[in-house]
Amino acid sequence: MYINGEWLKGNDILKITNPVNGEIVGEVYQSGVKETEYAIKAAQDAFPAWAGLTADERSAYLYK
């Protein structure tokens, strides 16, 4: 998970399977309450600075 500019690892891993043949195509860390609360807090903290940017500045971040 990428939260607040850093990659975090959870305790549980979810295997992603192809529904057609059941083949495992990837794995992702599952997030829980702790990670969700951290992500919400990071978003709340970042909002004032993000809202102060122009549309062109925000667009540049998204393209990057």
Protein backbone atom coordinates (compact mmCIF):
# COMPACT_ATOMS: atom_id res chain seq x y z
CA MET A 1 0.00 0.00 0.00
CA TYR A 2 1.24 3.46 -0.83
CA ILE A 3 0.11 5.91 1.85
CA ASN A 4 1.49 9.35 2.63
CA GLY A 5 4.49 8.96 0.34
CA GLU A 6 5.63 5.60 1.66
CA TRP A 7 5.10 1.94 0.84
CA LEU A 8 3.56 0.00 3.72
CA LYS A 9 3.14 -3.73 4.17
CA GLY A 10 0.15 -5.26 5.86
CA ASN A 11 0.05 -8.48 7.81
CA ASP A 12 -2.30 -10.30 5.46
CA ILE A 13 -1.84 -10.97 1.77
CA LEU A 14 -4.70 -11.42 -0.68
CA LYS A 15 -4.00 -13.61 -3.69
CA ILE A 16 -5.57 -12.29 -6.90
CA THR A 17 -6.81 -15.01 -9.21
CA ASN A 18 -7.95 -15.11 -12.79
CA PRO A 19 -11.66 -15.96 -12.58
CA VAL A 20 -11.51 -17.89 -15.85
CA ASN A 21 -8.91 -20.47 -14.87
CA GLY A 22 -8.20 -19.85 -11.17
CA GLU A 23 -4.54 -19.04 -11.87
CA ILE A 24 -2.91 -16.69 -9.34
CA VAL A 25 -1.99 -13.50 -11.20
CA GLY A 26 -0.78 -11.38 -8.29
CA GLU A 27 -0.78 -10.61 -4.60
CA VAL A 28 -1.62 -7.47 -2.63
CA TYR A 29 -1.42 -6.57 1.03
CA GLN A 30 -4.78 -6.23 2.70
CA SER A 31 -5.42 -3.14 4.75
CA GLY A 32 -7.24 -3.00 8.05
CA VAL A 33 -8.56 -0.39 10.42
CA LYS A 34 -5.09 0.91 11.30
CA GLU A 35 -4.04 1.45 7.68
CA THR A 36 -7.41 2.94 6.77
CA GLU A 37 -7.26 5.45 9.61
CA TYR A 38 -3.68 6.35 8.65
CA ALA A 39 -4.74 6.93 5.02
CA ILE A 40 -7.68 9.12 6.08
CA LYS A 41 -5.46 11.20 8.38
CA ALA A 42 -2.85 11.62 5.64
CA ALA A 43 -5.53 12.76 3.19
CA GLN A 44 -6.96 15.25 5.69
CA ASP A 45 -3.49 16.66 6.38
CA ALA A 46 -2.68 16.98 2.67
CA PHE A 47 -5.98 18.55 1.64
CA PRO A 48 -5.24 22.23 2.47
CA ALA A 49 -2.04 22.27 0.42
CA TRP A 50 -3.64 20.30 -2.43
CA ALA A 51 -6.69 22.57 -2.50
CA GLY A 52 -4.41 25.59 -2.72
CA LEU A 53 -2.91 24.41 -6.01
CA THR A 54 -4.21 25.49 -9.37
CA ALA A 55 -5.84 22.95 -11.68
CA ASP A 56 -2.71 22.99 -13.85
CA GLU A 57 -0.47 22.26 -10.86
CA ARG A 58 -2.69 19.37 -9.70
CA SER A 59 -2.77 18.02 -13.24
CA ALA A 60 1.03 18.01 -13.39
CA TYR A 61 1.15 15.85 -10.24
CA LEU A 62 -1.35 13.40 -11.64
CA TYR A 63 0.52 13.06 -14.95
CA LYS A 64 3.80 12.59 -13.08
